[in-house]
Amino acid sequence: MSVRRTTIVQFLVLFAFWYALSGRNEPLFLVTGAITAAVVTAVTHRIAGECLRPDLDHLPVGQLPLAFVRSIGFVGWMAGRIFVASLQLARLTLTPKLELDPCTLRFHTELRSPLARTTLANAISLVPGTLTVDIDGAELVVHALTPSQAGDLVTGELQNRIAKVFLDRPQPPVDPSVIQRERRR
């Protein structure tokens, strides 16, 4: 039985995380942390490896620092998008003259990793005014309060930022014709 590099990296990351949270150097605590990290790795290593890169047997260890740096940039960008969308939503709520124009988008993503697609669905739902309603493989259904709130999806900006984090190829923009406005009663 061979141990994949992703399994070793997962154990090291979990142990480092445990150590950073505990900050204890006594042998008992170090052994407890190592055992805990080993048990969690043993239970989840197949799932984690499959989610990270289903097309490869392992995630290249040399690419992990790049993916980590890009994920920090992604989190910062998402915080900015959440802030801007919150202001837009507040403006819609506080200005009675502005009407909501709810819409639904159904589109196909070319993100290869299931974890990348899950990250995309969660990122969409984190932004106020948008919600991932359904995921079927690589097809997503998204609800937005206004078509402009789905702008990062239509331009492909959100998908491309996630693709960079997961070291995936660039993603095409979404065809604006997939935006379906809801009927008013």
N, C-alpha and C. Protein backbone atom coordinates (compact mmCIF):
# COMPACT_ATOMS: atom_id res chain seq x y z
N MET A 1 0.85 -1.18 0.00
CA MET A 1 0.00 0.00 0.00
C MET A 1 0.90 1.24 0.00
N SER A 2 0.73 2.07 -0.99
CA SER A 2 1.55 3.28 -1.05
C SER A 2 0.74 4.48 -0.53
N VAL A 3 1.46 5.39 0.08
CA VAL A 3 0.82 6.60 0.61
C VAL A 3 1.03 7.72 -0.40
N ARG A 4 -0.05 8.34 -0.81
CA ARG A 4 0.04 9.44 -1.77
C ARG A 4 0.56 10.69 -1.07
N ARG A 5 1.18 11.53 -1.86
CA ARG A 5 1.71 12.78 -1.31
C ARG A 5 0.61 13.66 -0.72
N THR A 6 -0.57 13.63 -1.31
CA THR A 6 -1.66 14.46 -0.77
C THR A 6 -2.04 14.01 0.64
N THR A 7 -1.92 12.72 0.91
CA THR A 7 -2.22 12.21 2.24
C THR A 7 -1.21 12.74 3.26
N ILE A 8 0.05 12.72 2.88
CA ILE A 8 1.10 13.23 3.77
C ILE A 8 0.91 14.72 4.00
N VAL A 9 0.63 15.45 2.92
CA VAL A 9 0.42 16.90 3.05
C VAL A 9 -0.81 17.18 3.91
N GLN A 10 -1.87 16.41 3.72
CA GLN A 10 -3.07 16.60 4.53
C GLN A 10 -2.75 16.39 6.01
N PHE A 11 -2.01 15.33 6.34
CA PHE A 11 -1.63 15.09 7.74
C PHE A 11 -0.81 16.26 8.28
N LEU A 12 0.17 16.72 7.50
CA LEU A 12 1.03 17.82 7.97
C LEU A 12 0.24 19.11 8.17
N VAL A 13 -0.67 19.39 7.26
CA VAL A 13 -1.49 20.60 7.40
C VAL A 13 -2.39 20.50 8.62
N LEU A 14 -3.02 19.35 8.83
CA LEU A 14 -3.88 19.18 9.99
C LEU A 14 -3.10 19.28 11.30
N PHE A 15 -1.91 18.67 11.32
CA PHE A 15 -1.09 18.74 12.53
C PHE A 15 -0.62 20.18 12.77
N ALA A 16 -0.21 20.87 11.71
CA ALA A 16 0.22 22.27 11.86
C ALA A 16 -0.93 23.14 12.35
N PHE A 17 -2.13 22.90 11.83
CA PHE A 17 -3.30 23.65 12.28
C PHE A 17 -3.58 23.37 13.75
N TRP A 18 -3.51 22.10 14.14
CA TRP A 18 -3.71 21.74 15.54
C TRP A 18 -2.67 22.43 16.42
N TYR A 19 -1.42 22.40 15.97
CA TYR A 19 -0.34 23.00 16.77
C TYR A 19 -0.54 24.52 16.88
N ALA A 20 -0.94 25.14 15.79
CA ALA A 20 -1.16 26.60 15.81
C ALA A 20 -2.27 26.97 16.79
N LEU A 21 -3.29 26.14 16.87
CA LEU A 21 -4.39 26.43 17.79
C LEU A 21 -4.03 26.11 19.24
N SER A 22 -3.27 25.04 19.46
CA SER A 22 -2.95 24.67 20.84
C SER A 22 -1.76 25.44 21.38
N GLY A 23 -0.71 25.58 20.59
CA GLY A 23 0.48 26.29 21.02
C GLY A 23 1.24 25.59 22.14
N ARG A 24 1.00 24.32 22.36
CA ARG A 24 1.63 23.56 23.44
C ARG A 24 2.77 22.72 22.89
N ASN A 25 3.90 22.67 23.62
CA ASN A 25 5.07 21.92 23.19
C ASN A 25 5.33 20.67 24.02
N GLU A 26 4.50 20.39 25.00
CA GLU A 26 4.72 19.22 25.84
C GLU A 26 4.48 17.95 25.02
N PRO A 27 5.27 16.89 25.29
CA PRO A 27 5.16 15.66 24.51
C PRO A 27 3.75 15.09 24.46
N LEU A 28 3.02 15.11 25.58
CA LEU A 28 1.67 14.58 25.59
C LEU A 28 0.78 15.30 24.57
N PHE A 29 0.88 16.62 24.51
CA PHE A 29 0.06 17.39 23.58
C PHE A 29 0.49 17.16 22.13
N LEU A 30 1.78 17.05 21.89
CA LEU A 30 2.26 16.79 20.53
C LEU A 30 1.81 15.41 20.05
N VAL A 31 1.89 14.41 20.91
CA VAL A 31 1.44 13.06 20.54
C VAL A 31 -0.07 13.06 20.31
N THR A 32 -0.82 13.73 21.18
CA THR A 32 -2.27 13.82 21.01
C THR A 32 -2.62 14.48 19.68
N GLY A 33 -1.94 15.56 19.36
CA GLY A 33 -2.18 16.26 18.09
C GLY A 33 -1.84 15.39 16.90
N ALA A 34 -0.72 14.67 16.98
CA ALA A 34 -0.32 13.80 15.87
C ALA A 34 -1.32 12.66 15.68
N ILE A 35 -1.78 12.08 16.78
CA ILE A 35 -2.77 10.99 16.69
C ILE A 35 -4.07 11.52 16.11
N THR A 36 -4.50 12.68 16.58
CA THR A 36 -5.74 13.27 16.07
C THR A 36 -5.64 13.56 14.58
N ALA A 37 -4.53 14.17 14.16
CA ALA A 37 -4.33 14.47 12.74
C ALA A 37 -4.27 13.19 11.92
N ALA A 38 -3.65 12.14 12.46
CA ALA A 38 -3.55 10.86 11.74
C ALA A 38 -4.92 10.21 11.59
N VAL A 39 -5.74 10.25 12.63
CA VAL A 39 -7.07 9.64 12.56
C VAL A 39 -7.93 10.39 11.54
N VAL A 40 -7.93 11.72 11.61
CA VAL A 40 -8.73 12.51 10.66
C VAL A 40 -8.23 12.28 9.23
N THR A 41 -6.93 12.20 9.05
CA THR A 41 -6.37 11.94 7.72
C THR A 41 -6.78 10.55 7.23
N ALA A 42 -6.72 9.55 8.11
CA ALA A 42 -7.08 8.18 7.72
C ALA A 42 -8.55 8.09 7.30
N VAL A 43 -9.40 8.84 7.97
CA VAL A 43 -10.83 8.78 7.67
C VAL A 43 -11.17 9.56 6.40
N THR A 44 -10.46 10.66 6.15
CA THR A 44 -10.87 11.56 5.06
C THR A 44 -9.90 11.65 3.89
N HIS A 45 -8.79 10.92 3.88
CA HIS A 45 -7.80 11.12 2.83
C HIS A 45 -8.31 10.79 1.43
N ARG A 46 -9.14 9.77 1.30
CA ARG A 46 -9.66 9.43 -0.03
C ARG A 46 -10.60 10.52 -0.54
N ILE A 47 -11.45 11.02 0.33
CA ILE A 47 -12.38 12.08 -0.06
C ILE A 47 -11.61 13.35 -0.42
N ALA A 48 -10.67 13.72 0.43
CA ALA A 48 -9.89 14.94 0.19
C ALA A 48 -9.11 14.85 -1.11
N GLY A 49 -8.47 13.70 -1.35
CA GLY A 49 -7.70 13.54 -2.59
C GLY A 49 -8.58 13.59 -3.82
N GLU A 50 -9.75 12.99 -3.73
CA GLU A 50 -10.68 13.00 -4.86
C GLU A 50 -11.24 14.40 -5.11
N CYS A 51 -11.51 15.14 -4.05
CA CYS A 51 -12.05 16.48 -4.20
C CYS A 51 -11.01 17.46 -4.74
N LEU A 52 -9.78 17.29 -4.33
CA LEU A 52 -8.77 18.26 -4.75
C LEU A 52 -8.47 18.15 -6.23
N ARG A 53 -8.20 16.99 -6.73
CA ARG A 53 -7.90 16.82 -8.14
C ARG A 53 -8.32 15.43 -8.60
N PRO A 54 -9.55 15.25 -9.08
CA PRO A 54 -9.98 13.92 -9.49
C PRO A 54 -9.25 13.40 -10.72
N ASP A 55 -8.63 14.30 -11.50
CA ASP A 55 -7.95 13.88 -12.72
C ASP A 55 -6.51 13.45 -12.49
N LEU A 56 -5.98 13.65 -11.30
CA LEU A 56 -4.61 13.27 -10.99
C LEU A 56 -4.59 12.39 -9.75
N ASP A 57 -3.53 11.61 -9.61
CA ASP A 57 -3.38 10.78 -8.43
C ASP A 57 -2.97 11.62 -7.23
N HIS A 58 -2.41 12.78 -7.47
CA HIS A 58 -1.97 13.63 -6.37
C HIS A 58 -1.94 15.09 -6.81
N LEU A 59 -2.01 15.94 -5.85
CA LEU A 59 -1.85 17.37 -6.07
C LEU A 59 -0.37 17.67 -5.97
N PRO A 60 0.24 18.26 -6.98
CA PRO A 60 1.68 18.52 -6.89
C PRO A 60 2.01 19.38 -5.67
N VAL A 61 2.86 18.85 -4.81
CA VAL A 61 3.20 19.52 -3.57
C VAL A 61 3.81 20.89 -3.87
N GLY A 62 4.55 21.00 -4.95
CA GLY A 62 5.18 22.27 -5.32
C GLY A 62 4.17 23.35 -5.67
N GLN A 63 2.95 22.98 -6.00
CA GLN A 63 1.91 23.94 -6.36
C GLN A 63 1.10 24.42 -5.16
N LEU A 64 1.24 23.75 -4.01
CA LEU A 64 0.45 24.13 -2.83
C LEU A 64 0.69 25.57 -2.37
N PRO A 65 1.94 26.05 -2.31
CA PRO A 65 2.11 27.46 -1.89
C PRO A 65 1.42 28.44 -2.83
N LEU A 66 1.47 28.18 -4.13
CA LEU A 66 0.80 29.06 -5.10
C LEU A 66 -0.72 29.03 -4.88
N ALA A 67 -1.27 27.84 -4.70
CA ALA A 67 -2.71 27.73 -4.45
C ALA A 67 -3.09 28.43 -3.15
N PHE A 68 -2.26 28.32 -2.14
CA PHE A 68 -2.53 28.97 -0.85
C PHE A 68 -2.53 30.49 -0.99
N VAL A 69 -1.52 31.03 -1.67
CA VAL A 69 -1.44 32.49 -1.87
C VAL A 69 -2.64 32.97 -2.67
N ARG A 70 -3.01 32.24 -3.70
CA ARG A 70 -4.16 32.62 -4.51
C ARG A 70 -5.46 32.55 -3.71
N SER A 71 -5.56 31.60 -2.80
CA SER A 71 -6.78 31.51 -1.99
C SER A 71 -6.91 32.69 -1.04
N ILE A 72 -5.79 33.20 -0.55
CA ILE A 72 -5.83 34.40 0.29
C ILE A 72 -6.33 35.59 -0.52
N GLY A 73 -5.84 35.72 -1.74
CA GLY A 73 -6.31 36.78 -2.63
C GLY A 73 -7.79 36.63 -2.95
N PHE A 74 -8.24 35.39 -3.14
CA PHE A 74 -9.65 35.13 -3.42
C PHE A 74 -10.53 35.54 -2.25
N VAL A 75 -10.10 35.21 -1.04
CA VAL A 75 -10.88 35.56 0.16
C VAL A 75 -11.00 37.08 0.28
N GLY A 76 -9.90 37.79 0.01
CA GLY A 76 -9.95 39.27 0.04
C GLY A 76 -10.89 39.82 -1.01
N TRP A 77 -10.83 39.27 -2.22
CA TRP A 77 -11.71 39.72 -3.30
C TRP A 77 -13.16 39.44 -2.93
N MET A 78 -13.44 38.25 -2.37
CA MET A 78 -14.80 37.91 -1.98
C MET A 78 -15.32 38.86 -0.91
N ALA A 79 -14.46 39.22 0.04
CA ALA A 79 -14.89 40.16 1.09
C ALA A 79 -15.31 41.49 0.46
N GLY A 80 -14.57 41.94 -0.53
CA GLY A 80 -14.94 43.17 -1.25
C GLY A 80 -16.26 43.02 -1.98
N ARG A 81 -16.45 41.89 -2.66
CA ARG A 81 -17.70 41.66 -3.38
C ARG A 81 -18.89 41.59 -2.43
N ILE A 82 -18.70 40.95 -1.29
CA ILE A 82 -19.79 40.86 -0.31
C ILE A 82 -20.15 42.24 0.21
N PHE A 83 -19.15 43.07 0.46
CA PHE A 83 -19.39 44.43 0.93
C PHE A 83 -20.16 45.24 -0.11
N VAL A 84 -19.70 45.20 -1.36
CA VAL A 84 -20.36 45.96 -2.44
C VAL A 84 -21.79 45.46 -2.64
N ALA A 85 -21.98 44.14 -2.66
CA ALA A 85 -23.33 43.59 -2.85
C ALA A 85 -24.24 43.94 -1.68
N SER A 86 -23.68 44.02 -0.49
CA SER A 86 -24.48 44.43 0.68
C SER A 86 -24.97 45.86 0.51
N LEU A 87 -24.11 46.74 0.03
CA LEU A 87 -24.51 48.13 -0.22
C LEU A 87 -25.59 48.20 -1.30
N GLN A 88 -25.42 47.41 -2.37
CA GLN A 88 -26.42 47.39 -3.44
C GLN A 88 -27.76 46.90 -2.92
N LEU A 89 -27.72 45.87 -2.11
CA LEU A 89 -28.95 45.32 -1.55
C LEU A 89 -29.60 46.30 -0.58
N ALA A 90 -28.80 46.99 0.21
CA ALA A 90 -29.33 48.00 1.12
C ALA A 90 -30.00 49.13 0.33
N ARG A 91 -29.38 49.52 -0.77
CA ARG A 91 -29.96 50.57 -1.62
C ARG A 91 -31.30 50.11 -2.20
N LEU A 92 -31.36 48.87 -2.66
CA LEU A 92 -32.62 48.33 -3.18
C LEU A 92 -33.71 48.30 -2.11
N THR A 93 -33.31 47.96 -0.91
CA THR A 93 -34.26 47.84 0.20
C THR A 93 -34.75 49.20 0.67
N LEU A 94 -33.86 50.17 0.73
CA LEU A 94 -34.19 51.47 1.30
C LEU A 94 -34.77 52.47 0.30
N THR A 95 -34.71 52.14 -0.97
CA THR A 95 -35.26 53.03 -2.00
C THR A 95 -36.52 52.39 -2.58
N PRO A 96 -37.69 52.85 -2.15
CA PRO A 96 -38.94 52.21 -2.61
C PRO A 96 -39.17 52.33 -4.12
N LYS A 97 -38.59 53.34 -4.75
CA LYS A 97 -38.80 53.53 -6.19
C LYS A 97 -38.11 52.43 -7.01
N LEU A 98 -37.02 51.89 -6.47
CA LEU A 98 -36.32 50.83 -7.19
C LEU A 98 -37.05 49.52 -6.98
N GLU A 99 -37.31 48.83 -8.07
CA GLU A 99 -38.03 47.56 -7.97
C GLU A 99 -37.05 46.41 -8.16
N LEU A 100 -37.36 45.34 -7.48
CA LEU A 100 -36.57 44.13 -7.68
C LEU A 100 -36.90 43.55 -9.05
N ASP A 101 -35.92 42.95 -9.68
CA ASP A 101 -36.11 42.32 -10.98
C ASP A 101 -35.50 40.92 -10.89
N PRO A 102 -36.15 40.01 -10.11
CA PRO A 102 -35.56 38.71 -9.87
C PRO A 102 -35.34 37.92 -11.15
N CYS A 103 -34.26 37.16 -11.16
CA CYS A 103 -33.95 36.37 -12.34
C CYS A 103 -33.26 35.07 -11.92
N THR A 104 -33.23 34.15 -12.86
CA THR A 104 -32.60 32.86 -12.65
C THR A 104 -31.60 32.62 -13.77
N LEU A 105 -30.44 32.09 -13.42
CA LEU A 105 -29.43 31.72 -14.41
C LEU A 105 -29.20 30.23 -14.31
N ARG A 106 -29.17 29.56 -15.43
CA ARG A 106 -28.80 28.15 -15.49
C ARG A 106 -27.59 28.09 -16.42
N PHE A 107 -26.45 27.66 -15.86
CA PHE A 107 -25.24 27.63 -16.67
C PHE A 107 -24.36 26.44 -16.31
N HIS A 108 -23.47 26.12 -17.23
CA HIS A 108 -22.54 25.01 -17.08
C HIS A 108 -21.16 25.58 -16.75
N THR A 109 -20.52 25.04 -15.71
CA THR A 109 -19.17 25.46 -15.38
C THR A 109 -18.19 24.41 -15.89
N GLU A 110 -17.01 24.85 -16.24
CA GLU A 110 -15.98 23.93 -16.71
C GLU A 110 -14.93 23.65 -15.63
N LEU A 111 -15.23 24.03 -14.39
CA LEU A 111 -14.33 23.70 -13.29
C LEU A 111 -14.30 22.18 -13.14
N ARG A 112 -13.10 21.59 -13.11
CA ARG A 112 -12.98 20.13 -13.11
C ARG A 112 -13.17 19.52 -11.72
N SER A 113 -12.67 20.17 -10.71
CA SER A 113 -12.68 19.60 -9.37
C SER A 113 -14.05 19.77 -8.71
N PRO A 114 -14.56 18.71 -8.08
CA PRO A 114 -15.81 18.86 -7.33
C PRO A 114 -15.68 19.90 -6.21
N LEU A 115 -14.52 19.99 -5.60
CA LEU A 115 -14.30 20.98 -4.55
C LEU A 115 -14.35 22.40 -5.13
N ALA A 116 -13.82 22.58 -6.33
CA ALA A 116 -13.88 23.90 -6.98
C ALA A 116 -15.33 24.27 -7.30
N ARG A 117 -16.11 23.31 -7.78
CA ARG A 117 -17.53 23.59 -8.07
C ARG A 117 -18.30 23.88 -6.79
N THR A 118 -17.97 23.18 -5.72
CA THR A 118 -18.62 23.45 -4.43
C THR A 118 -18.25 24.84 -3.93
N THR A 119 -16.99 25.21 -4.11
CA THR A 119 -16.54 26.55 -3.72
C THR A 119 -17.29 27.61 -4.52
N LEU A 120 -17.48 27.36 -5.81
CA LEU A 120 -18.24 28.30 -6.65
C LEU A 120 -19.67 28.44 -6.13
N ALA A 121 -20.32 27.33 -5.87
CA ALA A 121 -21.71 27.39 -5.38
C ALA A 121 -21.80 28.13 -4.05
N ASN A 122 -20.87 27.88 -3.15
CA ASN A 122 -20.88 28.56 -1.85
C ASN A 122 -20.55 30.04 -1.99
N ALA A 123 -19.61 30.37 -2.87
CA ALA A 123 -19.26 31.78 -3.08
C ALA A 123 -20.45 32.56 -3.63
N ILE A 124 -21.19 31.94 -4.53
CA ILE A 124 -22.39 32.59 -5.08
C ILE A 124 -23.38 32.87 -3.95
N SER A 125 -23.60 31.90 -3.09
CA SER A 125 -24.58 32.06 -2.01
C SER A 125 -24.11 33.00 -0.92
N LEU A 126 -22.80 33.21 -0.79
CA LEU A 126 -22.28 34.15 0.21
C LEU A 126 -22.55 35.60 -0.17
N VAL A 127 -22.63 35.87 -1.45
CA VAL A 127 -22.85 37.25 -1.90
C VAL A 127 -24.32 37.59 -1.72
N PRO A 128 -24.62 38.63 -0.95
CA PRO A 128 -26.03 39.01 -0.73
C PRO A 128 -26.76 39.29 -2.05
N GLY A 129 -27.96 38.74 -2.16
CA GLY A 129 -28.76 38.95 -3.36
C GLY A 129 -28.65 37.83 -4.37
N THR A 130 -27.74 36.87 -4.16
CA THR A 130 -27.62 35.72 -5.05
C THR A 130 -27.66 34.44 -4.22
N LEU A 131 -28.17 33.38 -4.83
CA LEU A 131 -28.29 32.11 -4.13
C LEU A 131 -28.18 30.98 -5.13
N THR A 132 -27.33 30.00 -4.83
CA THR A 132 -27.26 28.80 -5.65
C THR A 132 -28.44 27.92 -5.26
N VAL A 133 -29.32 27.68 -6.21
CA VAL A 133 -30.55 26.95 -5.95
C VAL A 133 -30.35 25.45 -6.18
N ASP A 134 -29.56 25.09 -7.19
CA ASP A 134 -29.40 23.68 -7.52
C ASP A 134 -28.05 23.46 -8.19
N ILE A 135 -27.49 22.29 -7.95
CA ILE A 135 -26.27 21.86 -8.63
C ILE A 135 -26.52 20.45 -9.13
N ASP A 136 -26.26 20.24 -10.40
CA ASP A 136 -26.36 18.90 -10.98
C ASP A 136 -25.09 18.67 -11.79
N GLY A 137 -24.11 18.02 -11.17
CA GLY A 137 -22.82 17.83 -11.82
C GLY A 137 -22.13 19.16 -12.00
N ALA A 138 -21.99 19.58 -13.25
CA ALA A 138 -21.32 20.85 -13.55
C ALA A 138 -22.32 21.94 -13.93
N GLU A 139 -23.62 21.67 -13.78
CA GLU A 139 -24.64 22.67 -14.09
C GLU A 139 -25.17 23.28 -12.80
N LEU A 140 -25.20 24.61 -12.78
CA LEU A 140 -25.69 25.33 -11.61
C LEU A 140 -26.91 26.15 -11.97
N VAL A 141 -27.82 26.26 -11.02
CA VAL A 141 -28.97 27.16 -11.15
C VAL A 141 -28.83 28.18 -10.04
N VAL A 142 -28.83 29.45 -10.44
CA VAL A 142 -28.60 30.55 -9.49
C VAL A 142 -29.78 31.52 -9.57
N HIS A 143 -30.24 31.99 -8.41
CA HIS A 143 -31.28 33.00 -8.32
C HIS A 143 -30.62 34.30 -7.90
N ALA A 144 -30.99 35.39 -8.55
CA ALA A 144 -30.47 36.72 -8.20
C ALA A 144 -31.64 37.69 -8.11
N LEU A 145 -31.53 38.66 -7.19
CA LEU A 145 -32.60 39.65 -7.04
C LEU A 145 -32.65 40.63 -8.21
N THR A 146 -31.51 40.89 -8.81
CA THR A 146 -31.45 41.71 -10.03
C THR A 146 -30.40 41.10 -10.96
N PRO A 147 -30.54 41.30 -12.27
CA PRO A 147 -29.53 40.77 -13.19
C PRO A 147 -28.12 41.34 -12.93
N SER A 148 -28.04 42.57 -12.44
CA SER A 148 -26.71 43.16 -12.20
C SER A 148 -25.98 42.45 -11.07
N GLN A 149 -26.71 41.84 -10.14
CA GLN A 149 -26.06 41.13 -9.05
C GLN A 149 -25.42 39.83 -9.52
N ALA A 150 -25.78 39.37 -10.68
CA ALA A 150 -25.17 38.18 -11.25
C ALA A 150 -24.05 38.54 -12.22
N GLY A 151 -23.61 39.78 -12.18
CA GLY A 151 -22.61 40.27 -13.12
C GLY A 151 -21.30 39.51 -13.09
N ASP A 152 -20.80 39.15 -11.90
CA ASP A 152 -19.54 38.41 -11.81
C ASP A 152 -19.64 37.01 -12.40
N LEU A 153 -20.86 36.47 -12.42
CA LEU A 153 -21.06 35.16 -13.06
C LEU A 153 -21.07 35.30 -14.57
N VAL A 154 -21.78 36.31 -15.06
CA VAL A 154 -21.91 36.49 -16.50
C VAL A 154 -20.54 36.80 -17.12
N THR A 155 -19.75 37.63 -16.46
CA THR A 155 -18.43 37.96 -17.01
C THR A 155 -17.42 36.83 -16.83
N GLY A 156 -17.71 35.89 -15.95
CA GLY A 156 -16.80 34.80 -15.68
C GLY A 156 -15.75 35.13 -14.63
N GLU A 157 -15.84 36.32 -14.03
CA GLU A 157 -14.85 36.76 -13.05
C GLU A 157 -14.79 35.81 -11.85
N LEU A 158 -15.93 35.45 -11.30
CA LEU A 158 -15.95 34.57 -10.12
C LEU A 158 -15.38 33.19 -10.47
N GLN A 159 -15.83 32.61 -11.59
CA GLN A 159 -15.34 31.30 -11.98
C GLN A 159 -13.82 31.31 -12.21
N ASN A 160 -13.32 32.37 -12.84
CA ASN A 160 -11.88 32.45 -13.12
C ASN A 160 -11.05 32.61 -11.86
N ARG A 161 -11.55 33.34 -10.90
CA ARG A 161 -10.81 33.48 -9.64
C ARG A 161 -10.74 32.14 -8.90
N ILE A 162 -11.83 31.40 -8.94
CA ILE A 162 -11.83 30.08 -8.32
C ILE A 162 -10.93 29.12 -9.11
N ALA A 163 -10.97 29.22 -10.44
CA ALA A 163 -10.09 28.37 -11.27
C ALA A 163 -8.62 28.62 -10.95
N LYS A 164 -8.26 29.88 -10.68
CA LYS A 164 -6.87 30.18 -10.33
C LYS A 164 -6.48 29.54 -9.00
N VAL A 165 -7.39 29.58 -8.04
CA VAL A 165 -7.10 28.97 -6.73
C VAL A 165 -6.87 27.47 -6.89
N PHE A 166 -7.70 26.82 -7.70
CA PHE A 166 -7.62 25.38 -7.86
C PHE A 166 -6.73 24.96 -9.02
N LEU A 167 -5.95 25.90 -9.55
CA LEU A 167 -4.98 25.63 -10.62
C LEU A 167 -5.65 24.98 -11.81
N ASP A 168 -6.83 25.50 -12.16
CA ASP A 168 -7.62 25.00 -13.27
C ASP A 168 -7.46 25.95 -14.46
N ARG A 169 -7.94 25.55 -15.59
CA ARG A 169 -7.84 26.39 -16.80
C ARG A 169 -8.83 27.54 -16.74
N PRO A 170 -8.61 28.61 -17.51
CA PRO A 170 -9.53 29.77 -17.51
C PRO A 170 -10.94 29.34 -17.92
N GLN A 171 -11.91 30.02 -17.33
CA GLN A 171 -13.32 29.70 -17.55
C GLN A 171 -13.95 30.71 -18.50
N PRO A 172 -14.83 30.25 -19.37
CA PRO A 172 -15.49 31.19 -20.29
C PRO A 172 -16.58 31.96 -19.57
N PRO A 173 -16.94 33.13 -20.11
CA PRO A 173 -18.07 33.88 -19.51
C PRO A 173 -19.38 33.12 -19.77
N VAL A 174 -20.36 33.48 -18.99
CA VAL A 174 -21.69 32.87 -19.13
C VAL A 174 -22.47 33.68 -20.16
N ASP A 175 -23.15 33.00 -21.05
CA ASP A 175 -23.97 33.67 -22.06
C ASP A 175 -25.10 34.42 -21.37
N PRO A 176 -25.19 35.76 -21.57
CA PRO A 176 -26.24 36.53 -20.89
C PRO A 176 -27.66 36.10 -21.25
N SER A 177 -27.81 35.38 -22.35
CA SER A 177 -29.16 34.95 -22.74
C SER A 177 -29.72 33.88 -21.80
N VAL A 178 -28.87 33.31 -20.91
CA VAL A 178 -29.38 32.30 -19.97
C VAL A 178 -30.10 32.94 -18.80
N ILE A 179 -30.04 34.26 -18.69
CA ILE A 179 -30.75 34.96 -17.61
C ILE A 179 -32.24 34.96 -17.93
N GLN A 180 -33.02 34.36 -17.07
CA GLN A 180 -34.46 34.32 -17.25
C GLN A 180 -35.11 35.18 -16.18
N ARG A 181 -35.79 36.22 -16.62
CA ARG A 181 -36.48 37.09 -15.67
C ARG A 181 -37.76 36.41 -15.24
N GLU A 182 -38.07 36.58 -13.97
CA GLU A 182 -39.28 35.97 -13.42
C GLU A 182 -40.50 36.81 -13.78
N ARG A 183 -41.59 36.14 -13.96
CA ARG A 183 -42.84 36.85 -14.28
C ARG A 183 -43.38 37.55 -13.06
N ARG A 184 -43.93 38.70 -13.28
CA ARG A 184 -44.55 39.48 -12.18
C ARG A 184 -46.02 39.14 -12.12
N ARG A 185 -46.53 39.13 -10.93
CA ARG A 185 -47.97 38.80 -10.75
C ARG A 185 -48.76 40.05 -10.59
